[in-house]
Amino acid sequence: LIFAVMRLTKPTLFTNIPVTCEERDLPGKSFLLTDYYVCNLFNQLMKDDPSTVKGAETLMLGEMLTLPQNFGNIFLGETFSSYISVHNDSSQIVKDILVKADLQTSSQRLNLSASSAAVAELKPDCCIDDVIHHEVKEIGTHILVCAVSYTTQTGEKMYFRKFFKFQVLKPLDVKTKFYNAETDEVFLEAQIQNITTSPMFMEKVSLEPSMMYNVAELNTVDTAGESESTFGARTYLQPMDTRQYLYCLKPKQEFAEKAGVIKGVTVIGKLDIVWKTNLGERGRLQTSQLQRMAPGYGDVRLSLETIPDTVNLEEPFDITCKITNCSERTMDLVLEMCNTNSIHWCGVSGRQLGKLHPSSSLHLALTLLSSVQGLQSVSGLRLTDTFLKRTYEYDDIAQVCVVSSEVKQ
């Protein structure tokens, strides 16, 4: 028996390397008959070349397809396909032919055979064909192990194997950055770089969030009522080019009120990337669960719920604060308000807020006024836990623009 293994892959476009010249580039005078003949010869050869595009012979554009001459590169996320053929090259009939194809990786061994049943007999000049497919999910060395066992006419059992080694390369370089907002929102910036030698068509780049978050993609803009990609109509990624994708994750309503739960969430989700190369070969990558550094809110978290953008000079304005107990114990809080050079608090300082249980929140409506124009910082809030005698200071909570009442009118 003769055993043959061939990788199934699509052809590539053949590009011709043009050889051209100009009259002034040739030795001697441009009007010499020899120079004129050589220049026309180059041009005529390019026009007669069947691999060039008519009218664009010098642009290295090919219109012919070439079959692969070697095994080629295989990238992570692509589908490896191979054609396996066992041919009876003898004049005898062999029986009980069993063809087995396994793929050995650094961590596992996979059986890729379509059928595990043995073929009863194989006549002379006949063959057994099989096509295997496997979505590559590991980087590094892969070994395709093909084994054939059969029985001769004399009853002798025969067995042989062949090994085909190939490398799986990394097609994309993915880097992520997390930004934690004060409103429990998380912004994810994903930088995707094409590290192959051919352009890619980015079919889909999406974020599958964890169970506690909803995701909003920030990679489109609204133009005349229609949503358009920020990367244009042609989402091609050239070799070594990098593209940035942005996503906003918001806690679901049932988890938004549980400050202690959201604080400790580090698993955000995973990226799902789908692309196409050359003549439509499809590849897909899914990252592992992306994890962020949990923000350090401390035991007590103070955030602003409402605040005006612009206020009048020396006129009171209201803000709403939210105080959340992020610890695992009950707190008895006292609120103190300290004036600054520009911001003055209106109300009673040192008042009791009462007991605040773990993961619970309360809202405070506070009144201020500013004695200085311009962009002023809201500062001077102090929370004291009477149980532990610990004071939490909150400065630069937000900024507000203070203008004269005449300017605002």
Protein backbone atom coordinates (compact mmCIF):
# COMPACT_ATOMS: atom_id res chain seq x y z
CA LEU A 1 0.00 0.00 0.00
CA ILE A 2 1.11 3.54 -0.77
CA PHE A 3 0.15 6.26 1.65
CA ALA A 4 -0.24 9.94 0.61
CA VAL A 5 -1.14 12.99 2.69
CA MET A 6 -1.77 16.41 1.14
CA ARG A 7 -2.92 19.57 2.86
CA LEU A 8 -6.07 21.11 1.38
CA THR A 9 -5.72 24.86 0.98
CA LYS A 10 -6.92 27.45 -1.45
CA PRO A 11 -4.66 28.78 -4.21
CA THR A 12 -2.99 32.17 -4.13
CA LEU A 13 -2.80 35.00 -6.63
CA PHE A 14 0.35 34.95 -8.69
CA THR A 15 2.08 38.32 -8.95
CA ASN A 16 4.51 38.99 -11.74
CA ILE A 17 7.66 41.01 -11.07
CA PRO A 18 7.86 43.54 -13.91
CA VAL A 19 11.15 44.26 -15.65
CA THR A 20 10.91 47.61 -17.34
CA CYS A 21 13.07 50.53 -18.31
CA GLU A 22 13.01 54.05 -19.66
CA GLU A 23 14.96 55.30 -22.63
CA ARG A 24 17.09 57.65 -20.58
CA ASP A 25 18.13 54.77 -18.27
CA LEU A 26 19.84 52.85 -21.08
CA PRO A 27 23.50 53.37 -21.92
CA GLY A 28 24.23 55.78 -24.73
CA LYS A 29 21.81 58.08 -26.51
CA SER A 30 18.07 57.50 -26.30
CA PHE A 31 17.57 57.83 -30.05
CA LEU A 32 19.87 54.92 -30.90
CA LEU A 33 18.14 52.03 -32.61
CA THR A 34 19.54 49.53 -30.11
CA ASP A 35 18.07 51.38 -27.10
CA TYR A 36 14.72 51.69 -28.82
CA TYR A 37 14.69 47.98 -29.55
CA VAL A 38 15.61 46.96 -25.95
CA CYS A 39 12.99 49.25 -24.43
CA ASN A 40 10.26 47.92 -26.72
CA LEU A 41 11.39 44.38 -26.03
CA PHE A 42 10.84 44.77 -22.28
CA ASN A 43 7.43 46.33 -22.79
CA GLN A 44 6.34 43.69 -25.27
CA LEU A 45 7.41 40.86 -22.97
CA MET A 46 5.30 42.27 -20.14
CA LYS A 47 2.28 42.67 -22.42
CA ASP A 48 2.64 39.08 -23.66
CA ASP A 49 2.96 37.68 -20.14
CA PRO A 50 -0.34 35.87 -19.41
CA SER A 51 -0.02 36.48 -15.65
CA THR A 52 -0.26 40.27 -15.88
CA VAL A 53 -3.37 42.42 -16.00
CA LYS A 54 -3.84 44.02 -19.41
CA GLY A 55 -3.18 47.74 -19.26
CA ALA A 56 -1.50 47.48 -15.84
CA GLU A 57 1.56 45.38 -16.59
CA THR A 58 3.87 47.41 -14.34
CA LEU A 59 1.67 47.40 -11.22
CA MET A 60 2.45 43.84 -10.03
CA LEU A 61 -1.20 42.84 -10.26
CA GLY A 62 -1.79 39.19 -11.05
CA GLU A 63 -4.86 37.51 -12.45
CA MET A 64 -3.64 33.92 -12.30
CA LEU A 65 -3.97 31.44 -9.44
CA THR A 66 -1.11 29.23 -8.32
CA LEU A 67 -1.42 26.03 -6.36
CA PRO A 68 0.60 25.83 -3.12
CA GLN A 69 4.04 24.33 -3.62
CA ASN A 70 4.66 23.58 0.08
CA PHE A 71 2.82 22.96 3.29
CA GLY A 72 2.48 26.70 3.98
CA ASN A 73 1.77 28.49 7.21
CA ILE A 74 -1.02 27.52 9.58
CA PHE A 75 -2.26 30.09 12.06
CA LEU A 76 -4.07 29.70 15.32
CA GLY A 77 -7.83 29.83 14.86
CA GLU A 78 -7.81 28.55 11.28
CA THR A 79 -9.16 25.18 10.12
CA PHE A 80 -6.55 22.61 9.13
CA SER A 81 -7.79 20.39 6.32
CA SER A 82 -5.95 17.44 4.83
CA TYR A 83 -6.58 14.81 2.16
CA ILE A 84 -5.51 11.27 3.03
CA SER A 85 -5.28 8.54 0.41
CA VAL A 86 -4.26 4.89 0.68
CA HIS A 87 -3.63 3.24 -2.70
CA ASN A 88 -3.17 -0.43 -3.41
CA ASP A 89 -0.14 -0.44 -5.71
CA SER A 90 0.17 -4.22 -5.81
CA SER A 91 -1.59 -6.95 -7.80
CA GLN A 92 -3.10 -8.57 -4.74
CA ILE A 93 -6.25 -7.92 -2.76
CA VAL A 94 -5.69 -6.76 0.80
CA LYS A 95 -8.28 -7.05 3.55
CA ASP A 96 -9.31 -5.37 6.81
CA ILE A 97 -7.74 -2.04 5.98
CA LEU A 98 -7.91 0.42 8.87
CA VAL A 99 -6.74 4.00 8.37
CA LYS A 100 -6.27 6.17 11.44
CA ALA A 101 -5.24 9.82 11.66
CA ASP A 102 -4.29 11.44 14.98
CA LEU A 103 -3.09 14.94 15.69
CA GLN A 104 -0.51 15.17 18.45
CA THR A 105 -0.07 18.54 20.20
CA SER A 106 1.95 19.55 23.22
CA SER A 107 -1.00 18.87 25.53
CA GLN A 108 -3.27 16.29 23.90
CA ARG A 109 -3.78 13.72 21.16
CA LEU A 110 -6.88 14.05 18.96
CA ASN A 111 -8.44 11.46 16.67
CA LEU A 112 -9.36 13.06 13.33
CA SER A 113 -10.50 9.99 11.43
CA ALA A 114 -13.97 10.27 9.97
CA SER A 115 -14.68 6.57 10.54
CA SER A 116 -13.23 3.99 12.88
CA ALA A 117 -14.55 1.00 10.94
CA ALA A 118 -12.20 -1.11 8.85
CA VAL A 119 -12.65 -1.54 5.09
CA ALA A 120 -13.32 -5.16 4.19
CA GLU A 121 -11.02 -5.31 1.14
CA LEU A 122 -9.08 -3.14 -1.26
CA LYS A 123 -8.57 -4.33 -4.82
CA PRO A 124 -5.48 -3.55 -6.93
CA ASP A 125 -5.26 0.03 -8.26
CA CYS A 126 -8.04 1.11 -5.89
CA CYS A 127 -7.73 3.57 -3.06
CA ILE A 128 -9.34 4.66 0.19
CA ASP A 129 -9.80 8.42 0.49
CA ASP A 130 -10.59 10.53 3.52
CA VAL A 131 -10.66 14.26 4.30
CA ILE A 132 -10.04 15.46 7.83
CA HIS A 133 -10.71 18.86 9.35
CA HIS A 134 -9.55 20.37 12.61
CA GLU A 135 -9.84 23.89 14.04
CA VAL A 136 -6.40 24.69 15.41
CA LYS A 137 -6.59 25.89 19.02
CA GLU A 138 -2.98 25.60 20.18
CA ILE A 139 0.28 27.29 19.24
CA GLY A 140 3.45 25.34 18.62
CA THR A 141 4.48 22.06 17.06
CA HIS A 142 1.76 19.74 15.77
CA ILE A 143 2.37 16.22 14.46
CA LEU A 144 -0.10 14.47 12.18
CA VAL A 145 0.25 10.73 12.82
CA CYS A 146 -1.23 8.56 10.07
CA ALA A 147 -1.34 4.81 10.61
CA VAL A 148 -2.47 2.02 8.30
CA SER A 149 -3.05 -1.62 9.23
CA TYR A 150 -4.18 -4.37 6.85
CA THR A 151 -4.05 -8.11 6.18
CA THR A 152 -2.43 -9.67 3.12
CA GLN A 153 -3.77 -12.61 1.11
CA THR A 154 -1.52 -14.94 3.07
CA GLY A 155 -3.06 -13.76 6.36
CA GLU A 156 -0.05 -11.72 7.44
CA LYS A 157 -0.95 -8.59 9.39
CA MET A 158 0.91 -5.46 8.28
CA TYR A 159 1.20 -2.08 9.93
CA PHE A 160 3.04 1.16 9.20
CA ARG A 161 2.91 4.83 10.20
CA LYS A 162 3.91 8.19 8.81
CA PHE A 163 4.53 11.46 10.66
CA PHE A 164 3.95 14.96 9.33
CA LYS A 165 5.17 17.82 11.48
CA PHE A 166 4.02 21.41 11.11
CA GLN A 167 4.08 24.61 13.15
CA VAL A 168 1.04 26.64 14.22
CA LEU A 169 1.80 30.36 14.35
CA LYS A 170 0.14 33.21 16.15
CA PRO A 171 -1.89 35.42 13.76
CA LEU A 172 -2.85 38.28 16.06
CA ASP A 173 -1.33 40.12 18.97
CA VAL A 174 -4.06 41.23 21.39
CA LYS A 175 -3.41 43.73 24.19
CA THR A 176 -6.07 45.02 26.58
CA LYS A 177 -6.36 48.00 28.92
CA PHE A 178 -9.03 48.61 31.55
CA TYR A 179 -10.33 51.92 32.85
CA ASN A 180 -12.57 51.93 35.96
CA ALA A 181 -15.07 54.78 36.08
CA GLU A 182 -16.59 56.23 39.24
CA THR A 183 -20.06 55.07 38.18
CA ASP A 184 -19.05 51.37 38.28
CA GLU A 185 -18.64 51.40 34.50
CA VAL A 186 -15.62 49.65 33.03
CA PHE A 187 -14.06 50.71 29.73
CA LEU A 188 -12.06 48.12 27.80
CA GLU A 189 -9.58 49.11 25.11
CA ALA A 190 -8.46 46.20 22.93
CA GLN A 191 -5.46 46.67 20.62
CA ILE A 192 -5.38 44.05 17.85
CA GLN A 193 -2.31 43.76 15.61
CA ASN A 194 -1.98 41.66 12.47
CA ILE A 195 1.37 39.88 12.78
CA THR A 196 0.97 37.77 9.62
CA THR A 197 2.37 38.60 6.19
CA SER A 198 -0.98 39.06 4.44
CA PRO A 199 -3.89 41.47 4.95
CA MET A 200 -6.93 40.42 6.95
CA PHE A 201 -10.59 41.27 6.58
CA MET A 202 -11.89 41.79 10.12
CA GLU A 203 -15.35 40.28 9.98
CA LYS A 204 -16.22 40.60 13.66
CA VAL A 205 -14.59 41.82 16.86
CA SER A 206 -17.03 41.57 19.75
CA LEU A 207 -16.89 41.34 23.52
CA GLU A 208 -18.86 38.65 25.32
CA PRO A 209 -19.35 40.08 28.84
CA SER A 210 -19.56 38.14 32.06
CA MET A 211 -22.93 37.49 33.67
CA MET A 212 -22.81 40.68 35.77
CA TYR A 213 -22.30 43.18 32.94
CA ASN A 214 -23.98 44.53 29.84
CA VAL A 215 -21.70 45.71 27.04
CA ALA A 216 -21.97 48.59 24.58
CA GLU A 217 -19.63 48.79 21.58
CA LEU A 218 -18.11 52.22 20.97
CA ASN A 219 -16.70 51.48 17.52
CA THR A 220 -19.42 53.07 15.40
CA VAL A 221 -20.65 56.61 14.71
CA ASP A 222 -24.09 57.77 13.65
CA THR A 223 -24.10 59.56 10.30
CA ALA A 224 -27.41 60.71 8.85
CA GLY A 225 -29.28 58.22 11.00
CA GLU A 226 -27.10 55.29 9.97
CA SER A 227 -24.46 53.54 12.04
CA GLU A 228 -21.03 53.44 10.38
CA SER A 229 -17.84 51.81 11.55
CA THR A 230 -15.11 54.14 12.77
CA PHE A 231 -12.68 52.15 10.60
CA GLY A 232 -14.50 52.89 7.35
CA ALA A 233 -16.38 50.71 4.91
CA ARG A 234 -13.37 48.44 4.23
CA THR A 235 -12.28 46.87 7.50
CA TYR A 236 -8.97 45.50 6.23
CA LEU A 237 -6.03 45.16 8.57
CA GLN A 238 -2.71 45.29 6.77
CA PRO A 239 0.34 43.30 7.99
CA MET A 240 1.80 44.73 11.23
CA ASP A 241 -1.02 47.28 11.50
CA THR A 242 -2.80 47.80 14.82
CA ARG A 243 -6.43 48.69 15.40
CA GLN A 244 -8.05 49.81 18.66
CA TYR A 245 -11.53 48.74 19.75
CA LEU A 246 -13.40 50.30 22.69
CA TYR A 247 -16.18 48.80 24.81
CA CYS A 248 -18.18 50.06 27.78
CA LEU A 249 -19.42 47.59 30.38
CA LYS A 250 -22.20 48.55 32.80
CA PRO A 251 -23.33 46.45 35.78
CA LYS A 252 -26.73 44.84 35.39
CA GLN A 253 -29.51 46.32 37.47
CA GLU A 254 -29.67 43.40 39.90
CA PHE A 255 -25.93 43.76 40.66
CA ALA A 256 -25.62 47.55 40.50
CA GLU A 257 -26.92 48.02 44.05
CA LYS A 258 -24.58 45.40 45.49
CA ALA A 259 -21.47 47.48 45.94
CA GLY A 260 -19.52 44.74 47.66
CA VAL A 261 -20.20 42.30 44.81
CA ILE A 262 -19.29 44.71 42.00
CA LYS A 263 -16.18 45.84 43.82
CA GLY A 264 -14.73 42.34 43.86
CA VAL A 265 -15.59 41.43 40.26
CA THR A 266 -12.39 40.96 38.25
CA VAL A 267 -13.66 38.78 35.38
CA ILE A 268 -15.03 41.04 32.63
CA GLY A 269 -15.55 38.76 29.63
CA LYS A 270 -13.75 37.52 26.54
CA LEU A 271 -13.10 38.81 23.04
CA ASP A 272 -14.43 36.97 19.98
CA ILE A 273 -12.45 37.76 16.81
CA VAL A 274 -13.37 36.49 13.32
CA TRP A 275 -11.35 37.30 10.20
CA LYS A 276 -10.83 36.17 6.60
CA THR A 277 -7.63 36.01 4.55
CA ASN A 278 -6.60 35.49 0.92
CA LEU A 279 -9.52 33.88 -0.89
CA GLY A 280 -11.91 33.74 2.05
CA GLU A 281 -10.18 31.41 4.49
CA ARG A 282 -11.91 31.96 7.80
CA GLY A 283 -10.20 32.17 11.15
CA ARG A 284 -11.55 32.67 14.63
CA LEU A 285 -9.96 33.39 17.98
CA GLN A 286 -11.56 33.62 21.38
CA THR A 287 -9.46 34.95 24.21
CA SER A 288 -9.52 33.59 27.71
CA GLN A 289 -11.50 35.44 30.37
CA LEU A 290 -10.17 38.99 30.62
CA GLN A 291 -9.48 40.16 34.14
CA ARG A 292 -9.11 43.66 35.53
CA MET A 293 -7.58 44.98 38.72
CA ALA A 294 -10.44 45.53 41.17
CA PRO A 295 -10.71 49.22 42.11
CA GLY A 296 -9.75 50.08 45.66
CA TYR A 297 -12.70 51.98 47.12
CA GLY A 298 -11.75 51.42 50.73
CA ASP A 299 -14.36 50.83 53.41
CA VAL A 300 -16.59 53.75 52.44
CA ARG A 301 -17.24 54.92 48.91
CA LEU A 302 -18.60 58.37 48.09
CA SER A 303 -19.82 59.12 44.59
CA LEU A 304 -21.81 61.97 43.03
CA GLU A 305 -25.23 61.23 41.63
CA THR A 306 -26.24 64.72 40.43
CA ILE A 307 -24.39 68.03 40.12
CA PRO A 308 -25.02 71.04 37.86
CA ASP A 309 -22.50 71.92 35.16
CA THR A 310 -22.70 75.69 35.64
CA VAL A 311 -23.80 77.70 38.70
CA ASN A 312 -24.13 81.38 39.58
CA LEU A 313 -21.59 83.18 41.72
CA GLU A 314 -22.63 83.42 45.41
CA GLU A 315 -25.87 81.56 44.77
CA PRO A 316 -26.67 78.22 46.44
CA PHE A 317 -26.79 75.07 44.33
CA ASP A 318 -27.63 71.46 45.21
CA ILE A 319 -25.75 68.22 44.71
CA THR A 320 -26.66 64.62 45.54
CA CYS A 321 -24.08 62.24 46.99
CA LYS A 322 -24.25 58.48 47.40
CA ILE A 323 -22.45 56.85 50.33
CA THR A 324 -21.87 53.09 50.16
CA ASN A 325 -20.54 50.79 52.87
CA CYS A 326 -18.01 48.57 51.09
CA SER A 327 -16.79 46.85 54.25
CA GLU A 328 -18.10 43.73 55.96
CA ARG A 329 -19.20 45.47 59.15
CA THR A 330 -21.95 47.91 60.12
CA MET A 331 -20.87 51.55 60.36
CA ASP A 332 -22.23 54.48 62.38
CA LEU A 333 -21.28 57.53 60.31
CA VAL A 334 -21.00 61.23 61.12
CA LEU A 335 -20.88 63.82 58.31
CA GLU A 336 -18.63 66.86 58.61
CA MET A 337 -18.38 69.65 56.01
CA CYS A 338 -15.25 71.81 55.78
CA ASN A 339 -15.21 75.05 53.80
CA THR A 340 -12.44 75.87 51.32
CA ASN A 341 -11.30 79.21 49.93
CA SER A 342 -13.85 79.10 47.12
CA ILE A 343 -16.50 76.49 48.08
CA HIS A 344 -18.75 76.97 51.13
CA TRP A 345 -21.15 74.39 52.51
CA CYS A 346 -24.65 75.32 53.61
CA GLY A 347 -26.13 73.25 56.44
CA VAL A 348 -25.24 71.64 59.74
CA SER A 349 -21.84 69.98 60.03
CA GLY A 350 -21.27 67.07 62.37
CA ARG A 351 -24.70 65.48 61.98
CA GLN A 352 -25.36 61.81 62.49
CA LEU A 353 -26.16 59.74 59.40
CA GLY A 354 -27.10 56.65 61.39
CA LYS A 355 -26.06 53.04 60.92
CA LEU A 356 -25.12 51.80 57.47
CA HIS A 357 -25.09 48.03 56.96
CA PRO A 358 -22.58 46.23 54.67
CA SER A 359 -23.22 46.73 50.93
CA SER A 360 -25.93 49.29 51.75
CA SER A 361 -26.13 52.85 50.43
CA LEU A 362 -27.75 56.15 51.36
CA HIS A 363 -28.30 59.34 49.39
CA LEU A 364 -27.52 62.82 50.70
CA ALA A 365 -28.81 66.10 49.29
CA LEU A 366 -26.29 68.86 50.08
CA THR A 367 -26.21 72.57 49.35
CA LEU A 368 -23.15 74.69 48.47
CA LEU A 369 -22.24 78.11 47.15
CA SER A 370 -19.08 79.47 45.56
CA SER A 371 -17.45 82.83 46.22
CA VAL A 372 -14.93 82.60 43.36
CA GLN A 373 -15.57 82.44 39.63
CA GLY A 374 -14.07 79.86 37.31
CA LEU A 375 -13.76 76.09 37.44
CA GLN A 376 -13.94 75.19 41.12
CA SER A 377 -13.35 71.84 42.82
CA VAL A 378 -15.88 70.46 45.28
CA SER A 379 -13.94 69.41 48.37
CA GLY A 380 -14.16 69.25 52.13
CA LEU A 381 -16.39 66.28 53.00
CA ARG A 382 -15.43 64.13 55.99
CA LEU A 383 -17.05 60.88 57.15
CA THR A 384 -16.20 59.50 60.60
CA ASP A 385 -16.97 55.99 61.77
CA THR A 386 -17.80 56.30 65.46
CA PHE A 387 -17.15 52.59 66.10
CA LEU A 388 -13.49 52.61 65.00
CA LYS A 389 -12.94 56.38 65.37
CA ARG A 390 -11.71 56.43 61.76
CA THR A 391 -12.17 59.45 59.48
CA TYR A 392 -12.45 59.24 55.69
CA GLU A 393 -11.58 62.40 53.75
CA TYR A 394 -13.03 63.23 50.33
CA ASP A 395 -11.54 66.09 48.29
CA ASP A 396 -11.71 66.93 44.60
CA ILE A 397 -15.00 65.06 44.32
CA ALA A 398 -16.05 66.97 41.21
CA GLN A 399 -15.66 70.27 39.37
CA VAL A 400 -18.27 72.94 38.73
CA CYS A 401 -18.09 76.05 36.56
CA VAL A 402 -18.95 79.23 38.49
CA VAL A 403 -19.98 82.28 36.46
CA SER A 404 -21.41 85.67 37.24
CA SER A 405 -25.20 85.83 37.23
CA GLU A 406 -25.06 88.57 34.57
CA VAL A 407 -22.93 86.38 32.26
CA LYS A 408 -25.30 83.46 32.64
CA GLN A 409 -28.33 85.63 31.81
